[in-house]
Amino acid sequence: TQALSNVFSTPASPVRLSFNRQPSTTVTAGAAFPVQPIVWAVDENDLLYSCFNGLVTISIVEGTGSISGSVTLPAINGVADFSTAQLAIGNAGFKVLNASAADLI
């Protein structure tokens, strides 16, 4: 004879990072972003992967300049809230931020 358990599931794996809240579209060099970026680890269904607690880093990948403040911080329950990010230096023009995490698939 045998006994079967109830059906259960295991969480999906995080597959990428996603900007849940985009940074401000206008920012002054040396000043904090008026709207701070928030990055989520998401699964293959673009749902928050709340088991992810790895380090997330933001950087400028297009345009000139650099970001200061907390640019690398641990995600907490899948969320990295860059509440102190600011444009340290940079020439006028468009910029694009990138979020990365070494321990994502």
C-alpha atoms as a PDB file:
ATOM      1  CA  THR A   1       0.000   0.000   0.000  1.00  0.00           C
ATOM      2  CA  GLN A   2       1.109   3.582  -0.551  1.00  0.00           C
ATOM      3  CA  ALA A   3       0.192   7.079   0.518  1.00  0.00           C
ATOM      4  CA  LEU A   4       0.415  10.162  -1.696  1.00  0.00           C
ATOM      5  CA  SER A   5       1.090  13.659  -0.443  1.00  0.00           C
ATOM      6  CA  ASN A   6      -0.828  16.738  -1.481  1.00  0.00           C
ATOM      7  CA  VAL A   7       0.379  18.431  -4.649  1.00  0.00           C
ATOM      8  CA  PHE A   8       3.108  20.979  -3.999  1.00  0.00           C
ATOM      9  CA  SER A   9       5.262  23.198  -6.149  1.00  0.00           C
ATOM     10  CA  THR A  10       8.747  24.573  -6.030  1.00  0.00           C
ATOM     11  CA  PRO A  11       9.410  28.186  -6.969  1.00  0.00           C
ATOM     12  CA  ALA A  12      10.736  28.922 -10.417  1.00  0.00           C
ATOM     13  CA  SER A  13      14.305  30.145 -10.705  1.00  0.00           C
ATOM     14  CA  PRO A  14      15.090  33.813 -11.236  1.00  0.00           C
ATOM     15  CA  VAL A  15      16.081  34.337 -14.830  1.00  0.00           C
ATOM     16  CA  ARG A  16      16.715  38.058 -15.129  1.00  0.00           C
ATOM     17  CA  LEU A  17      16.503  41.474 -13.528  1.00  0.00           C
ATOM     18  CA  SER A  18      13.841  44.010 -14.395  1.00  0.00           C
ATOM     19  CA  PHE A  19      13.463  47.682 -13.527  1.00  0.00           C
ATOM     20  CA  ASN A  20      10.209  47.704 -11.559  1.00  0.00           C
ATOM     21  CA  ARG A  21      10.532  51.474 -11.173  1.00  0.00           C
ATOM     22  CA  GLN A  22      12.520  53.376 -13.775  1.00  0.00           C
ATOM     23  CA  PRO A  23      14.806  56.194 -12.607  1.00  0.00           C
ATOM     24  CA  SER A  24      13.867  59.786 -13.315  1.00  0.00           C
ATOM     25  CA  THR A  25      14.156  60.852 -16.927  1.00  0.00           C
ATOM     26  CA  THR A  26      15.816  64.127 -15.905  1.00  0.00           C
ATOM     27  CA  VAL A  27      18.590  64.316 -13.341  1.00  0.00           C
ATOM     28  CA  THR A  28      21.307  66.830 -12.484  1.00  0.00           C
ATOM     29  CA  ALA A  29      24.933  65.724 -12.074  1.00  0.00           C
ATOM     30  CA  GLY A  30      25.773  65.527  -8.383  1.00  0.00           C
ATOM     31  CA  ALA A  31      22.137  65.166  -7.361  1.00  0.00           C
ATOM     32  CA  ALA A  32      20.096  62.142  -6.382  1.00  0.00           C
ATOM     33  CA  PHE A  33      17.623  60.765  -8.887  1.00  0.00           C
ATOM     34  CA  PRO A  34      14.272  62.407  -8.041  1.00  0.00           C
ATOM     35  CA  VAL A  35      12.715  58.978  -8.656  1.00  0.00           C
ATOM     36  CA  GLN A  36      15.027  56.219  -7.447  1.00  0.00           C
ATOM     37  CA  PRO A  37      15.314  52.975  -9.449  1.00  0.00           C
ATOM     38  CA  ILE A  38      13.943  49.724  -8.045  1.00  0.00           C
ATOM     39  CA  VAL A  39      15.098  46.437  -9.548  1.00  0.00           C
ATOM     40  CA  TRP A  40      13.315  43.090  -9.243  1.00  0.00           C
ATOM     41  CA  ALA A  41      14.600  39.583  -9.834  1.00  0.00           C
ATOM     42  CA  VAL A  42      11.919  37.944 -11.956  1.00  0.00           C
ATOM     43  CA  ASP A  43      11.181  34.398 -13.083  1.00  0.00           C
ATOM     44  CA  GLU A  44      10.349  33.156 -16.576  1.00  0.00           C
ATOM     45  CA  ASN A  45       6.792  34.496 -16.144  1.00  0.00           C
ATOM     46  CA  ASP A  46       8.073  38.002 -15.237  1.00  0.00           C
ATOM     47  CA  LEU A  47       6.854  37.509 -11.657  1.00  0.00           C
ATOM     48  CA  LEU A  48       8.852  38.684  -8.660  1.00  0.00           C
ATOM     49  CA  TYR A  49      11.195  35.936  -7.468  1.00  0.00           C
ATOM     50  CA  SER A  50      11.101  36.668  -3.752  1.00  0.00           C
ATOM     51  CA  CYS A  51      13.696  33.984  -2.863  1.00  0.00           C
ATOM     52  CA  PHE A  52      16.497  35.960  -4.547  1.00  0.00           C
ATOM     53  CA  ASN A  53      18.791  37.779  -2.098  1.00  0.00           C
ATOM     54  CA  GLY A  54      21.910  38.220  -4.241  1.00  0.00           C
ATOM     55  CA  LEU A  55      23.876  41.374  -4.933  1.00  0.00           C
ATOM     56  CA  VAL A  56      22.555  43.731  -7.618  1.00  0.00           C
ATOM     57  CA  THR A  57      24.664  46.462  -9.244  1.00  0.00           C
ATOM     58  CA  ILE A  58      23.525  49.406 -11.350  1.00  0.00           C
ATOM     59  CA  SER A  59      25.777  51.219 -13.815  1.00  0.00           C
ATOM     60  CA  ILE A  60      25.593  53.483 -16.845  1.00  0.00           C
ATOM     61  CA  VAL A  61      25.949  51.461 -20.058  1.00  0.00           C
ATOM     62  CA  GLU A  62      25.041  54.110 -22.627  1.00  0.00           C
ATOM     63  CA  GLY A  63      26.075  57.730 -22.366  1.00  0.00           C
ATOM     64  CA  THR A  64      28.778  59.216 -20.175  1.00  0.00           C
ATOM     65  CA  GLY A  65      29.059  59.572 -16.451  1.00  0.00           C
ATOM     66  CA  SER A  66      28.957  57.422 -13.368  1.00  0.00           C
ATOM     67  CA  ILE A  67      26.568  56.586 -10.579  1.00  0.00           C
ATOM     68  CA  SER A  68      27.405  57.155  -6.924  1.00  0.00           C
ATOM     69  CA  GLY A  69      25.683  56.291  -3.685  1.00  0.00           C
ATOM     70  CA  SER A  70      24.827  52.649  -3.097  1.00  0.00           C
ATOM     71  CA  VAL A  71      25.423  51.126  -6.528  1.00  0.00           C
ATOM     72  CA  THR A  72      25.715  47.526  -5.313  1.00  0.00           C
ATOM     73  CA  LEU A  73      23.382  46.208  -2.682  1.00  0.00           C
ATOM     74  CA  PRO A  74      21.666  42.986  -1.720  1.00  0.00           C
ATOM     75  CA  ALA A  75      18.205  42.290  -3.024  1.00  0.00           C
ATOM     76  CA  ILE A  76      15.797  41.667  -0.174  1.00  0.00           C
ATOM     77  CA  ASN A  77      13.120  39.161  -1.093  1.00  0.00           C
ATOM     78  CA  GLY A  78      13.885  39.758  -4.770  1.00  0.00           C
ATOM     79  CA  VAL A  79      13.842  43.572  -4.582  1.00  0.00           C
ATOM     80  CA  ALA A  80      16.828  45.951  -4.802  1.00  0.00           C
ATOM     81  CA  ASP A  81      15.810  49.506  -3.883  1.00  0.00           C
ATOM     82  CA  PHE A  82      18.502  51.987  -4.910  1.00  0.00           C
ATOM     83  CA  SER A  83      17.339  54.771  -2.608  1.00  0.00           C
ATOM     84  CA  THR A  84      20.617  56.737  -2.606  1.00  0.00           C
ATOM     85  CA  ALA A  85      21.619  56.538  -6.282  1.00  0.00           C
ATOM     86  CA  GLN A  86      22.778  59.742  -7.895  1.00  0.00           C
ATOM     87  CA  LEU A  87      24.452  60.808 -11.091  1.00  0.00           C
ATOM     88  CA  ALA A  88      27.983  61.538  -9.887  1.00  0.00           C
ATOM     89  CA  ILE A  89      29.370  63.082 -13.071  1.00  0.00           C
ATOM     90  CA  GLY A  90      28.375  63.160 -16.682  1.00  0.00           C
ATOM     91  CA  ASN A  91      28.022  65.264 -19.757  1.00  0.00           C
ATOM     92  CA  ALA A  92      24.657  66.333 -21.065  1.00  0.00           C
ATOM     93  CA  GLY A  93      22.849  63.741 -23.108  1.00  0.00           C
ATOM     94  CA  PHE A  94      20.950  60.528 -22.831  1.00  0.00           C
ATOM     95  CA  LYS A  95      22.032  57.740 -20.525  1.00  0.00           C
ATOM     96  CA  VAL A  96      20.857  54.173 -19.960  1.00  0.00           C
ATOM     97  CA  LEU A  97      21.216  52.241 -16.719  1.00  0.00           C
ATOM     98  CA  ASN A  98      21.977  48.546 -16.503  1.00  0.00           C
ATOM     99  CA  ALA A  99      21.234  46.263 -13.564  1.00  0.00           C
ATOM    100  CA  SER A 100      23.330  43.135 -13.133  1.00  0.00           C
ATOM    101  CA  ALA A 101      23.665  40.263 -10.683  1.00  0.00           C
ATOM    102  CA  ALA A 102      26.490  37.740 -10.950  1.00  0.00           C
ATOM    103  CA  ASP A 103      24.571  34.912  -9.331  1.00  0.00           C
ATOM    104  CA  LEU A 104      21.578  34.884 -11.665  1.00  0.00           C
ATOM    105  CA  ILE A 105      21.394  32.099 -14.218  1.00  0.00           C
END
